[in-house]
């Protein structure tokens, strides 16, 4: 697979941040046959090697959970599926108001949206994590959010590169 094909296929794994796929490929660590674990390791190395400002940009590229982009139908297909899988597309008005308030408070405090790998979680699990993590320091939360971005990337890669490929 050449660089253009790799970036085309995997450039969206880190939300709106194809530079991660570009740098992973350019590092020479991408080997065929591609495996989710191998591509994930290479992309995470590129993400971790990025400057703090670049990683912050990746965090800021993520949408708010159940936020305005979801309401407007403007999420990426991956984000839409992930949020729908957790039931975030079926919130009651009270639940939506709670998510909105937490999103605003979190973004105000940390400067990036709350990020969590929602696969396998319920709305209540997500709200509980939201309420716990908002008490973190910025440093703690930056590291937690980066770890969640990497987890989301792994889940996305597992769907793109099934084990039986």
N, C-alpha and C. Protein backbone atom coordinates (compact mmCIF):
# COMPACT_ATOMS: atom_id res chain seq x y z
N UNK A 1 0.86 -1.17 0.00
CA UNK A 1 0.00 0.00 0.00
C UNK A 1 0.90 1.23 0.00
N UNK A 2 0.61 2.15 -0.88
CA UNK A 2 1.44 3.37 -0.90
C UNK A 2 0.90 4.40 0.10
N UNK A 3 1.65 5.48 0.25
CA UNK A 3 1.31 6.50 1.25
C UNK A 3 -0.08 7.08 1.02
N UNK A 4 -0.39 7.44 -0.21
CA UNK A 4 -1.69 8.05 -0.51
C UNK A 4 -2.84 7.10 -0.15
N UNK A 5 -2.70 5.84 -0.49
CA UNK A 5 -3.74 4.86 -0.16
C UNK A 5 -3.86 4.68 1.35
N UNK A 6 -2.72 4.64 2.03
CA UNK A 6 -2.73 4.48 3.49
C UNK A 6 -3.44 5.66 4.15
N UNK A 7 -3.09 6.86 3.73
CA UNK A 7 -3.70 8.06 4.33
C UNK A 7 -5.18 8.13 3.97
N UNK A 8 -5.53 7.74 2.75
CA UNK A 8 -6.94 7.73 2.35
C UNK A 8 -7.74 6.78 3.25
N UNK A 9 -7.18 5.61 3.51
CA UNK A 9 -7.90 4.59 4.29
C UNK A 9 -7.90 4.89 5.78
N UNK A 10 -6.79 5.41 6.31
CA UNK A 10 -6.65 5.53 7.76
C UNK A 10 -6.52 6.97 8.27
N UNK A 11 -6.62 7.94 7.40
CA UNK A 11 -6.44 9.33 7.80
C UNK A 11 -7.48 9.86 8.77
N UNK A 12 -8.65 9.24 8.82
CA UNK A 12 -9.69 9.69 9.74
C UNK A 12 -9.73 8.94 11.06
N UNK A 13 -8.83 7.99 11.25
CA UNK A 13 -8.83 7.21 12.49
C UNK A 13 -8.64 8.12 13.70
N UNK A 14 -7.72 9.07 13.59
CA UNK A 14 -7.60 10.12 14.60
C UNK A 14 -8.41 11.29 14.04
N UNK A 15 -9.50 11.59 14.68
CA UNK A 15 -10.54 12.51 14.21
C UNK A 15 -9.99 13.74 13.48
N UNK A 16 -10.32 13.86 12.20
CA UNK A 16 -9.93 15.02 11.38
C UNK A 16 -8.43 15.33 11.47
N UNK A 17 -7.60 14.31 11.63
CA UNK A 17 -6.17 14.53 11.81
C UNK A 17 -5.35 13.58 10.95
N UNK A 18 -5.43 13.73 9.62
CA UNK A 18 -4.69 12.81 8.74
C UNK A 18 -3.18 12.88 8.91
N UNK A 19 -2.67 13.95 9.51
CA UNK A 19 -1.22 14.06 9.69
C UNK A 19 -0.68 12.90 10.54
N UNK A 20 -1.51 12.33 11.39
CA UNK A 20 -1.07 11.18 12.20
C UNK A 20 -0.77 10.00 11.28
N UNK A 21 -1.69 9.70 10.35
CA UNK A 21 -1.47 8.60 9.40
C UNK A 21 -0.27 8.91 8.52
N UNK A 22 -0.13 10.14 8.08
CA UNK A 22 1.00 10.52 7.23
C UNK A 22 2.33 10.28 7.95
N UNK A 23 2.41 10.72 9.20
CA UNK A 23 3.65 10.57 9.95
C UNK A 23 3.93 9.10 10.28
N UNK A 24 2.88 8.33 10.58
CA UNK A 24 3.06 6.90 10.86
C UNK A 24 3.63 6.22 9.63
N UNK A 25 3.08 6.53 8.46
CA UNK A 25 3.57 5.93 7.23
C UNK A 25 5.01 6.37 6.95
N UNK A 26 5.26 7.67 7.10
CA UNK A 26 6.59 8.21 6.81
C UNK A 26 7.66 7.66 7.75
N UNK A 27 7.27 7.22 8.94
CA UNK A 27 8.23 6.67 9.89
C UNK A 27 8.75 5.30 9.45
N UNK A 28 8.08 4.70 8.46
CA UNK A 28 8.55 3.42 7.93
C UNK A 28 8.14 2.22 8.75
N UNK A 29 7.24 2.39 9.68
CA UNK A 29 6.85 1.28 10.56
C UNK A 29 5.62 0.52 10.06
N UNK A 30 5.04 0.94 8.96
CA UNK A 30 3.85 0.28 8.43
C UNK A 30 4.32 -0.92 7.60
N UNK A 31 3.91 -2.08 8.01
CA UNK A 31 4.31 -3.31 7.33
C UNK A 31 3.08 -4.09 6.90
N UNK A 32 3.21 -4.70 5.72
CA UNK A 32 2.13 -5.56 5.25
C UNK A 32 2.46 -7.00 5.62
N UNK A 33 1.53 -7.84 5.93
CA UNK A 33 0.11 -7.50 5.92
C UNK A 33 -0.24 -6.60 7.11
N UNK A 34 -1.13 -5.67 6.85
CA UNK A 34 -1.56 -4.74 7.88
C UNK A 34 -2.36 -5.47 8.94
N UNK A 35 -2.08 -5.13 10.19
CA UNK A 35 -2.90 -5.61 11.30
C UNK A 35 -3.37 -4.40 12.08
N UNK A 36 -4.49 -4.53 12.74
CA UNK A 36 -4.99 -3.42 13.55
C UNK A 36 -3.97 -3.06 14.62
N UNK A 37 -3.38 -4.07 15.26
CA UNK A 37 -2.41 -3.81 16.32
C UNK A 37 -1.18 -3.10 15.78
N UNK A 38 -0.68 -3.53 14.63
CA UNK A 38 0.51 -2.91 14.07
C UNK A 38 0.28 -1.48 13.63
N UNK A 39 -0.83 -1.25 12.93
CA UNK A 39 -1.14 0.11 12.48
C UNK A 39 -1.40 1.00 13.69
N UNK A 40 -2.11 0.46 14.69
CA UNK A 40 -2.39 1.23 15.90
C UNK A 40 -1.09 1.64 16.59
N UNK A 41 -0.18 0.71 16.75
CA UNK A 41 1.09 1.03 17.41
C UNK A 41 1.84 2.14 16.66
N UNK A 42 1.86 2.04 15.36
CA UNK A 42 2.56 3.05 14.54
C UNK A 42 1.88 4.41 14.64
N UNK A 43 0.56 4.41 14.59
CA UNK A 43 -0.16 5.68 14.64
C UNK A 43 -0.07 6.30 16.03
N UNK A 44 -0.13 5.47 17.07
CA UNK A 44 0.01 6.01 18.43
C UNK A 44 1.40 6.58 18.65
N UNK A 45 2.41 5.94 18.09
CA UNK A 45 3.77 6.49 18.20
C UNK A 45 3.84 7.87 17.55
N UNK A 46 3.19 8.01 16.40
CA UNK A 46 3.17 9.31 15.71
C UNK A 46 2.40 10.34 16.53
N UNK A 47 1.29 9.93 17.13
CA UNK A 47 0.49 10.82 17.96
C UNK A 47 1.30 11.27 19.18
N UNK A 48 1.95 10.34 19.85
CA UNK A 48 2.73 10.67 21.05
C UNK A 48 3.94 11.54 20.73
N UNK A 49 4.48 11.40 19.51
CA UNK A 49 5.64 12.21 19.11
C UNK A 49 5.23 13.62 18.67
N UNK A 50 3.95 13.83 18.45
CA UNK A 50 3.47 15.15 18.04
C UNK A 50 3.66 16.14 19.19
N UNK A 51 3.75 17.39 18.85
CA UNK A 51 3.89 18.41 19.89
C UNK A 51 2.61 18.46 20.73
N UNK A 52 2.72 19.05 21.90
CA UNK A 52 1.53 19.18 22.74
C UNK A 52 0.45 19.99 22.01
N UNK A 53 0.85 21.01 21.28
CA UNK A 53 -0.12 21.82 20.53
C UNK A 53 -0.82 20.98 19.46
N UNK A 54 -0.06 20.11 18.80
CA UNK A 54 -0.68 19.25 17.79
C UNK A 54 -1.63 18.24 18.43
N UNK A 55 -1.23 17.66 19.56
CA UNK A 55 -2.13 16.72 20.25
C UNK A 55 -3.38 17.45 20.73
N UNK A 56 -3.21 18.68 21.21
CA UNK A 56 -4.37 19.47 21.61
C UNK A 56 -5.29 19.69 20.42
N UNK A 57 -4.72 19.93 19.25
CA UNK A 57 -5.52 20.07 18.04
C UNK A 57 -6.33 18.81 17.73
N UNK A 58 -5.71 17.63 17.95
CA UNK A 58 -6.44 16.38 17.74
C UNK A 58 -7.59 16.28 18.74
N UNK A 59 -7.34 16.64 19.99
CA UNK A 59 -8.42 16.61 20.99
C UNK A 59 -9.54 17.56 20.58
N UNK A 60 -9.17 18.75 20.16
CA UNK A 60 -10.19 19.74 19.79
C UNK A 60 -10.94 19.37 18.52
N UNK A 61 -10.41 18.45 17.72
CA UNK A 61 -11.10 17.99 16.51
C UNK A 61 -12.27 17.06 16.83
N UNK A 62 -12.31 16.56 18.06
CA UNK A 62 -13.40 15.67 18.46
C UNK A 62 -14.66 16.48 18.77
N UNK A 63 -15.81 15.93 18.42
CA UNK A 63 -17.07 16.64 18.71
C UNK A 63 -17.49 16.47 20.16
N UNK A 64 -18.30 17.41 20.64
CA UNK A 64 -18.94 17.23 21.94
C UNK A 64 -19.86 16.02 21.87
N UNK A 65 -19.96 15.29 22.96
CA UNK A 65 -20.90 14.18 23.01
C UNK A 65 -22.32 14.73 23.05
N UNK A 66 -23.14 14.25 22.15
CA UNK A 66 -24.54 14.69 22.05
C UNK A 66 -24.63 16.21 21.88
N UNK A 67 -23.65 16.79 21.21
CA UNK A 67 -23.59 18.23 21.05
C UNK A 67 -24.23 18.75 19.78
N UNK A 68 -23.91 19.98 19.45
CA UNK A 68 -24.57 20.64 18.33
C UNK A 68 -24.30 19.97 16.99
N UNK A 69 -23.10 19.40 16.80
CA UNK A 69 -22.82 18.71 15.54
C UNK A 69 -23.70 17.46 15.40
N UNK A 70 -23.92 16.77 16.50
CA UNK A 70 -24.79 15.60 16.46
C UNK A 70 -26.21 16.01 16.12
N UNK A 71 -26.67 17.07 16.72
CA UNK A 71 -28.03 17.55 16.46
C UNK A 71 -28.18 18.00 15.02
N UNK A 72 -27.15 18.63 14.49
CA UNK A 72 -27.19 19.11 13.10
C UNK A 72 -26.89 18.02 12.08
N UNK A 73 -26.56 16.82 12.55
CA UNK A 73 -26.24 15.73 11.64
C UNK A 73 -24.90 15.91 10.96
N UNK A 74 -23.95 16.60 11.62
CA UNK A 74 -22.67 16.92 11.00
C UNK A 74 -21.48 16.17 11.59
N UNK A 75 -21.74 15.06 12.29
CA UNK A 75 -20.64 14.26 12.82
C UNK A 75 -20.02 13.44 11.70
N UNK A 76 -18.76 13.04 11.90
CA UNK A 76 -18.20 12.06 10.96
C UNK A 76 -19.00 10.78 11.12
N UNK A 77 -18.96 9.94 10.12
CA UNK A 77 -19.71 8.68 10.18
C UNK A 77 -19.28 7.84 11.38
N UNK A 78 -17.97 7.79 11.65
CA UNK A 78 -17.49 7.04 12.82
C UNK A 78 -18.06 7.61 14.11
N UNK A 79 -17.99 8.92 14.28
CA UNK A 79 -18.51 9.53 15.51
C UNK A 79 -20.01 9.32 15.65
N UNK A 80 -20.74 9.42 14.54
CA UNK A 80 -22.18 9.21 14.59
C UNK A 80 -22.51 7.80 15.06
N UNK A 81 -21.85 6.82 14.49
CA UNK A 81 -22.09 5.42 14.88
C UNK A 81 -21.72 5.19 16.33
N UNK A 82 -20.59 5.73 16.76
CA UNK A 82 -20.14 5.53 18.13
C UNK A 82 -21.11 6.15 19.13
N UNK A 83 -21.56 7.38 18.86
CA UNK A 83 -22.49 8.02 19.77
C UNK A 83 -23.85 7.33 19.76
N UNK A 84 -24.30 6.92 18.59
CA UNK A 84 -25.59 6.21 18.50
C UNK A 84 -25.52 4.89 19.25
N UNK A 85 -24.38 4.20 19.15
CA UNK A 85 -24.23 2.93 19.84
C UNK A 85 -24.36 3.05 21.35
N UNK A 86 -24.04 4.21 21.89
CA UNK A 86 -24.18 4.46 23.33
C UNK A 86 -25.51 5.10 23.67
N UNK A 87 -26.38 5.26 22.69
CA UNK A 87 -27.70 5.84 22.94
C UNK A 87 -27.71 7.34 23.04
N UNK A 88 -26.63 7.99 22.64
CA UNK A 88 -26.57 9.45 22.78
C UNK A 88 -27.43 10.18 21.75
N UNK A 89 -27.93 9.44 20.77
CA UNK A 89 -28.84 10.04 19.79
C UNK A 89 -30.29 9.93 20.24
N UNK A 90 -30.51 9.37 21.42
CA UNK A 90 -31.87 9.18 21.94
C UNK A 90 -32.00 9.71 23.37
N UNK A 91 -31.46 10.87 23.61
CA UNK A 91 -31.52 11.47 24.94
C UNK A 91 -32.86 12.17 25.17
N UNK A 92 -33.34 12.09 26.39
CA UNK A 92 -34.51 12.87 26.77
C UNK A 92 -34.07 14.34 26.85
N UNK A 93 -35.03 15.27 26.85
CA UNK A 93 -34.63 16.68 27.01
C UNK A 93 -33.80 16.94 28.27
N UNK A 94 -34.14 16.28 29.37
CA UNK A 94 -33.39 16.48 30.62
C UNK A 94 -31.96 15.92 30.47
N UNK A 95 -31.83 14.75 29.86
CA UNK A 95 -30.50 14.17 29.65
C UNK A 95 -29.67 15.05 28.72
N UNK A 96 -30.30 15.53 27.67
CA UNK A 96 -29.59 16.41 26.74
C UNK A 96 -29.12 17.68 27.44
N UNK A 97 -29.96 18.24 28.29
CA UNK A 97 -29.58 19.44 29.04
C UNK A 97 -28.38 19.15 29.95
N UNK A 98 -28.35 17.97 30.56
CA UNK A 98 -27.24 17.59 31.44
C UNK A 98 -25.95 17.46 30.63
N UNK A 99 -26.02 16.79 29.47
CA UNK A 99 -24.84 16.66 28.62
C UNK A 99 -24.36 18.03 28.16
N UNK A 100 -25.27 18.90 27.78
CA UNK A 100 -24.91 20.24 27.32
C UNK A 100 -24.19 21.01 28.42
N UNK A 101 -24.74 20.97 29.64
CA UNK A 101 -24.12 21.68 30.76
C UNK A 101 -22.72 21.12 31.06
N UNK A 102 -22.59 19.80 31.06
CA UNK A 102 -21.28 19.20 31.32
C UNK A 102 -20.29 19.50 30.20
N UNK A 103 -20.75 19.43 28.95
CA UNK A 103 -19.87 19.78 27.82
C UNK A 103 -19.33 21.19 27.98
N UNK A 104 -20.21 22.13 28.29
CA UNK A 104 -19.80 23.53 28.42
C UNK A 104 -18.83 23.72 29.57
N UNK A 105 -19.12 23.12 30.72
CA UNK A 105 -18.24 23.27 31.88
C UNK A 105 -16.88 22.62 31.63
N UNK A 106 -16.90 21.46 31.03
CA UNK A 106 -15.66 20.74 30.75
C UNK A 106 -14.79 21.52 29.76
N UNK A 107 -15.37 21.94 28.66
CA UNK A 107 -14.61 22.68 27.65
C UNK A 107 -14.09 23.99 28.21
N UNK A 108 -14.87 24.65 29.02
CA UNK A 108 -14.43 25.90 29.66
C UNK A 108 -13.22 25.63 30.56
N UNK A 109 -13.25 24.54 31.31
CA UNK A 109 -12.16 24.23 32.24
C UNK A 109 -10.90 23.75 31.53
N UNK A 110 -11.05 22.87 30.53
CA UNK A 110 -9.89 22.21 29.95
C UNK A 110 -9.47 22.73 28.58
N UNK A 111 -10.37 23.39 27.86
CA UNK A 111 -10.02 23.92 26.55
C UNK A 111 -10.13 22.92 25.41
N UNK A 112 -10.75 21.78 25.66
CA UNK A 112 -11.03 20.76 24.64
C UNK A 112 -12.25 19.98 25.10
N UNK A 113 -12.90 19.28 24.18
CA UNK A 113 -14.13 18.56 24.55
C UNK A 113 -13.84 17.29 25.35
N UNK A 114 -14.82 16.87 26.10
CA UNK A 114 -14.75 15.60 26.82
C UNK A 114 -14.68 14.47 25.81
N UNK A 115 -13.69 13.62 25.96
CA UNK A 115 -13.49 12.51 25.02
C UNK A 115 -13.47 11.21 25.79
N UNK A 116 -14.28 10.28 25.32
CA UNK A 116 -14.32 8.95 25.92
C UNK A 116 -14.69 7.97 24.81
N UNK A 117 -14.05 6.81 24.84
CA UNK A 117 -14.40 5.75 23.90
C UNK A 117 -15.72 5.17 24.38
N UNK A 118 -16.80 5.47 23.66
CA UNK A 118 -18.14 5.14 24.15
C UNK A 118 -18.57 3.71 23.87
N UNK A 119 -17.82 2.98 23.04
CA UNK A 119 -18.23 1.62 22.70
C UNK A 119 -18.35 0.78 23.97
N UNK A 120 -19.51 0.16 24.13
CA UNK A 120 -19.77 -0.69 25.28
C UNK A 120 -20.24 0.07 26.51
N UNK A 121 -20.33 1.39 26.43
CA UNK A 121 -20.78 2.19 27.57
C UNK A 121 -22.24 2.62 27.38
N UNK A 122 -22.90 2.85 28.49
CA UNK A 122 -24.26 3.38 28.47
C UNK A 122 -24.19 4.89 28.72
N UNK A 123 -25.33 5.55 28.52
CA UNK A 123 -25.40 6.99 28.83
C UNK A 123 -25.00 7.24 30.27
N UNK A 124 -25.48 6.37 31.18
CA UNK A 124 -25.16 6.56 32.60
C UNK A 124 -23.67 6.38 32.88
N UNK A 125 -23.03 5.40 32.21
CA UNK A 125 -21.58 5.22 32.35
C UNK A 125 -20.85 6.48 31.91
N UNK A 126 -21.28 7.04 30.79
CA UNK A 126 -20.63 8.22 30.22
C UNK A 126 -20.82 9.42 31.14
N UNK A 127 -22.04 9.60 31.63
CA UNK A 127 -22.29 10.72 32.55
C UNK A 127 -21.47 10.58 33.83
N UNK A 128 -21.37 9.36 34.35
CA UNK A 128 -20.57 9.13 35.55
C UNK A 128 -19.10 9.48 35.31
N UNK A 129 -18.56 9.06 34.17
CA UNK A 129 -17.17 9.39 33.83
C UNK A 129 -17.00 10.90 33.67
N UNK A 130 -17.97 11.52 33.01
CA UNK A 130 -17.95 12.98 32.83
C UNK A 130 -17.85 13.67 34.18
N UNK A 131 -18.73 13.29 35.08
CA UNK A 131 -18.80 13.94 36.39
C UNK A 131 -17.56 13.68 37.23
N UNK A 132 -16.94 12.53 37.06
CA UNK A 132 -15.70 12.22 37.78
C UNK A 132 -14.52 12.98 37.19
N UNK A 133 -14.39 12.91 35.87
CA UNK A 133 -13.22 13.49 35.22
C UNK A 133 -13.18 15.01 35.25
N UNK A 134 -14.32 15.65 35.38
CA UNK A 134 -14.31 17.12 35.39
C UNK A 134 -13.57 17.66 36.62
N UNK A 135 -13.38 16.81 37.63
CA UNK A 135 -12.64 17.22 38.83
C UNK A 135 -11.12 17.07 38.66
N UNK A 136 -10.68 16.46 37.56
CA UNK A 136 -9.24 16.27 37.31
C UNK A 136 -8.54 17.60 37.10
N UNK A 137 -7.22 17.56 37.25
CA UNK A 137 -6.40 18.71 36.86
C UNK A 137 -6.31 18.73 35.34
N UNK A 138 -5.87 19.83 34.76
CA UNK A 138 -5.74 19.89 33.31
C UNK A 138 -4.73 18.87 32.82
N UNK A 139 -3.62 18.73 33.52
CA UNK A 139 -2.61 17.75 33.11
C UNK A 139 -3.17 16.33 33.13
N UNK A 140 -3.85 15.97 34.20
CA UNK A 140 -4.45 14.64 34.29
C UNK A 140 -5.44 14.42 33.15
N UNK A 141 -6.24 15.43 32.90
CA UNK A 141 -7.29 15.27 31.89
C UNK A 141 -6.73 15.27 30.48
N UNK A 142 -5.68 16.02 30.25
CA UNK A 142 -5.04 15.99 28.93
C UNK A 142 -4.53 14.57 28.65
N UNK A 143 -3.87 13.96 29.63
CA UNK A 143 -3.36 12.60 29.46
C UNK A 143 -4.50 11.59 29.32
N UNK A 144 -5.55 11.76 30.10
CA UNK A 144 -6.71 10.85 30.01
C UNK A 144 -7.37 10.98 28.65
N UNK A 145 -7.56 12.21 28.19
CA UNK A 145 -8.19 12.42 26.88
C UNK A 145 -7.33 11.83 25.77
N UNK A 146 -6.01 12.01 25.85
CA UNK A 146 -5.12 11.42 24.83
C UNK A 146 -5.22 9.89 24.84
N UNK A 147 -5.29 9.30 26.02
CA UNK A 147 -5.43 7.84 26.11
C UNK A 147 -6.76 7.40 25.51
N UNK A 148 -7.81 8.17 25.71
CA UNK A 148 -9.11 7.84 25.13
C UNK A 148 -9.09 7.97 23.61
N UNK A 149 -8.38 8.97 23.10
CA UNK A 149 -8.23 9.13 21.65
C UNK A 149 -7.55 7.89 21.07
N UNK A 150 -6.52 7.42 21.74
CA UNK A 150 -5.83 6.21 21.27
C UNK A 150 -6.75 4.99 21.32
N UNK A 151 -7.57 4.89 22.34
CA UNK A 151 -8.53 3.78 22.44
C UNK A 151 -9.55 3.85 21.31
N UNK A 152 -10.05 5.04 21.04
CA UNK A 152 -11.00 5.23 19.93
C UNK A 152 -10.33 4.81 18.62
N UNK A 153 -9.08 5.21 18.44
CA UNK A 153 -8.34 4.84 17.22
C UNK A 153 -8.23 3.32 17.09
N UNK A 154 -7.94 2.64 18.20
CA UNK A 154 -7.84 1.18 18.17
C UNK A 154 -9.15 0.56 17.75
N UNK A 155 -10.23 1.02 18.32
CA UNK A 155 -11.55 0.48 17.97
C UNK A 155 -11.87 0.72 16.50
N UNK A 156 -11.55 1.89 16.01
CA UNK A 156 -11.79 2.20 14.60
C UNK A 156 -10.93 1.32 13.69
N UNK A 157 -9.68 1.13 14.07
CA UNK A 157 -8.80 0.28 13.26
C UNK A 157 -9.27 -1.17 13.26
N UNK A 158 -9.77 -1.64 14.38
CA UNK A 158 -10.27 -3.01 14.44
C UNK A 158 -11.45 -3.21 13.51
N UNK A 159 -12.22 -2.16 13.27
CA UNK A 159 -13.34 -2.28 12.34
C UNK A 159 -12.85 -2.16 10.88
N UNK A 160 -11.75 -1.44 10.67
CA UNK A 160 -11.19 -1.28 9.33
C UNK A 160 -10.31 -2.45 8.88
N UNK A 161 -9.69 -3.08 9.86
CA UNK A 161 -8.78 -4.20 9.57
C UNK A 161 -9.21 -5.40 10.42
N UNK A 162 -10.25 -6.08 10.01
CA UNK A 162 -10.69 -7.24 10.79
C UNK A 162 -9.57 -8.27 10.88
N UNK A 163 -9.56 -9.03 11.95
CA UNK A 163 -8.51 -10.02 12.17
C UNK A 163 -8.40 -11.05 11.07
N UNK A 164 -9.50 -11.33 10.38
CA UNK A 164 -9.46 -12.35 9.33
C UNK A 164 -9.05 -11.79 7.97
N UNK A 165 -8.64 -10.52 7.92
CA UNK A 165 -8.13 -9.94 6.66
C UNK A 165 -6.76 -10.48 6.36
